[in-house]
Amino acid sequence: MTSPDDAVICSAKGCRAPAVWVLAWNNPKLHTPDRRKTWLACDEHREHLSNFLGLRGFLKDVVTLAEWEASPRA
């Protein structure tokens, strides 16, 4: 059973909504090409956070949290 401290919440500033999306990103000036950092997003903030990362050329993938957790990552 998960506690409220284990809740996965949106990365948008001030948002406490449950995360539904994973935005995988990479800053090529700082990270190797295969490295993926992640932001989490609720439905309301997915587009805003995606646009923020996309405008900078950092956004690599957007998948549901369930898909991310089910995918094998090395």
Protein backbone atom coordinates (compact mmCIF):
# COMPACT_ATOMS: atom_id res chain seq x y z
CA MET A 1 0.00 0.00 0.00
CA THR A 2 1.37 3.44 -0.91
CA SER A 3 1.36 6.37 1.47
CA PRO A 4 0.68 10.02 0.51
CA ASP A 5 4.46 10.55 0.72
CA ASP A 6 4.86 8.01 -2.11
CA ALA A 7 2.42 9.86 -4.40
CA VAL A 8 3.86 10.78 -7.77
CA ILE A 9 2.95 14.41 -8.38
CA CYS A 10 3.19 16.85 -11.26
CA SER A 11 6.47 18.74 -11.70
CA ALA A 12 4.73 22.03 -12.54
CA LYS A 13 5.50 24.72 -9.96
CA GLY A 14 2.93 24.65 -7.17
CA CYS A 15 0.94 21.76 -8.62
CA ARG A 16 0.09 18.90 -6.27
CA ALA A 17 -2.01 16.88 -8.74
CA PRO A 18 -1.16 13.24 -9.42
CA ALA A 19 1.20 12.74 -12.35
CA VAL A 20 -0.17 10.94 -15.40
CA TRP A 21 2.58 11.70 -17.93
CA VAL A 22 6.35 11.36 -18.09
CA LEU A 23 8.24 13.89 -20.19
CA ALA A 24 11.66 12.48 -21.02
CA TRP A 25 14.21 15.11 -21.90
CA ASN A 26 17.90 15.75 -22.42
CA ASN A 27 19.99 18.92 -22.44
CA PRO A 28 22.68 18.12 -25.05
CA LYS A 29 25.04 20.70 -23.53
CA LEU A 30 25.04 18.81 -20.23
CA HIS A 31 24.03 15.19 -20.87
CA THR A 32 25.23 12.34 -23.05
CA PRO A 33 22.84 11.62 -25.96
CA ASP A 34 21.37 8.50 -24.33
CA ARG A 35 20.70 10.15 -20.93
CA ARG A 36 17.06 10.90 -20.11
CA LYS A 37 15.95 13.22 -17.34
CA THR A 38 12.25 13.22 -16.50
CA TRP A 39 9.55 15.64 -15.53
CA LEU A 40 6.17 14.40 -14.43
CA ALA A 41 2.93 16.05 -15.52
CA CYS A 42 -0.76 15.97 -14.74
CA ASP A 43 -3.21 16.25 -17.64
CA GLU A 44 -3.55 20.00 -17.08
CA HIS A 45 0.20 20.76 -17.29
CA ARG A 46 1.38 18.21 -19.88
CA GLU A 47 1.14 20.61 -22.82
CA HIS A 48 2.71 23.55 -20.97
CA LEU A 49 5.70 21.52 -19.73
CA SER A 50 6.09 19.83 -23.13
CA ASN A 51 6.14 23.22 -24.87
CA PHE A 52 8.73 24.56 -22.40
CA LEU A 53 11.08 21.64 -23.08
CA GLY A 54 10.26 21.49 -26.80
CA LEU A 55 11.10 25.15 -27.43
CA ARG A 56 14.57 24.50 -26.03
CA GLY A 57 15.05 21.34 -28.10
CA PHE A 58 15.21 19.19 -24.97
CA LEU A 59 12.01 17.11 -25.23
CA LYS A 60 12.64 13.54 -26.40
CA ASP A 61 9.45 11.63 -25.51
CA VAL A 62 6.09 11.93 -23.77
CA VAL A 63 4.50 8.73 -22.47
CA THR A 64 2.00 7.82 -19.80
CA LEU A 65 3.37 7.11 -16.36
CA ALA A 66 2.06 3.54 -16.67
CA GLU A 67 3.97 3.03 -19.95
CA TRP A 68 7.15 4.49 -18.42
CA GLU A 69 6.95 2.25 -15.36
CA ALA A 70 6.31 -0.83 -17.54
CA SER A 71 9.17 -0.15 -19.98
CA PRO A 72 12.58 -1.74 -19.45
CA ARG A 73 15.30 0.87 -18.99
CA ALA A 74 18.96 -0.04 -18.71
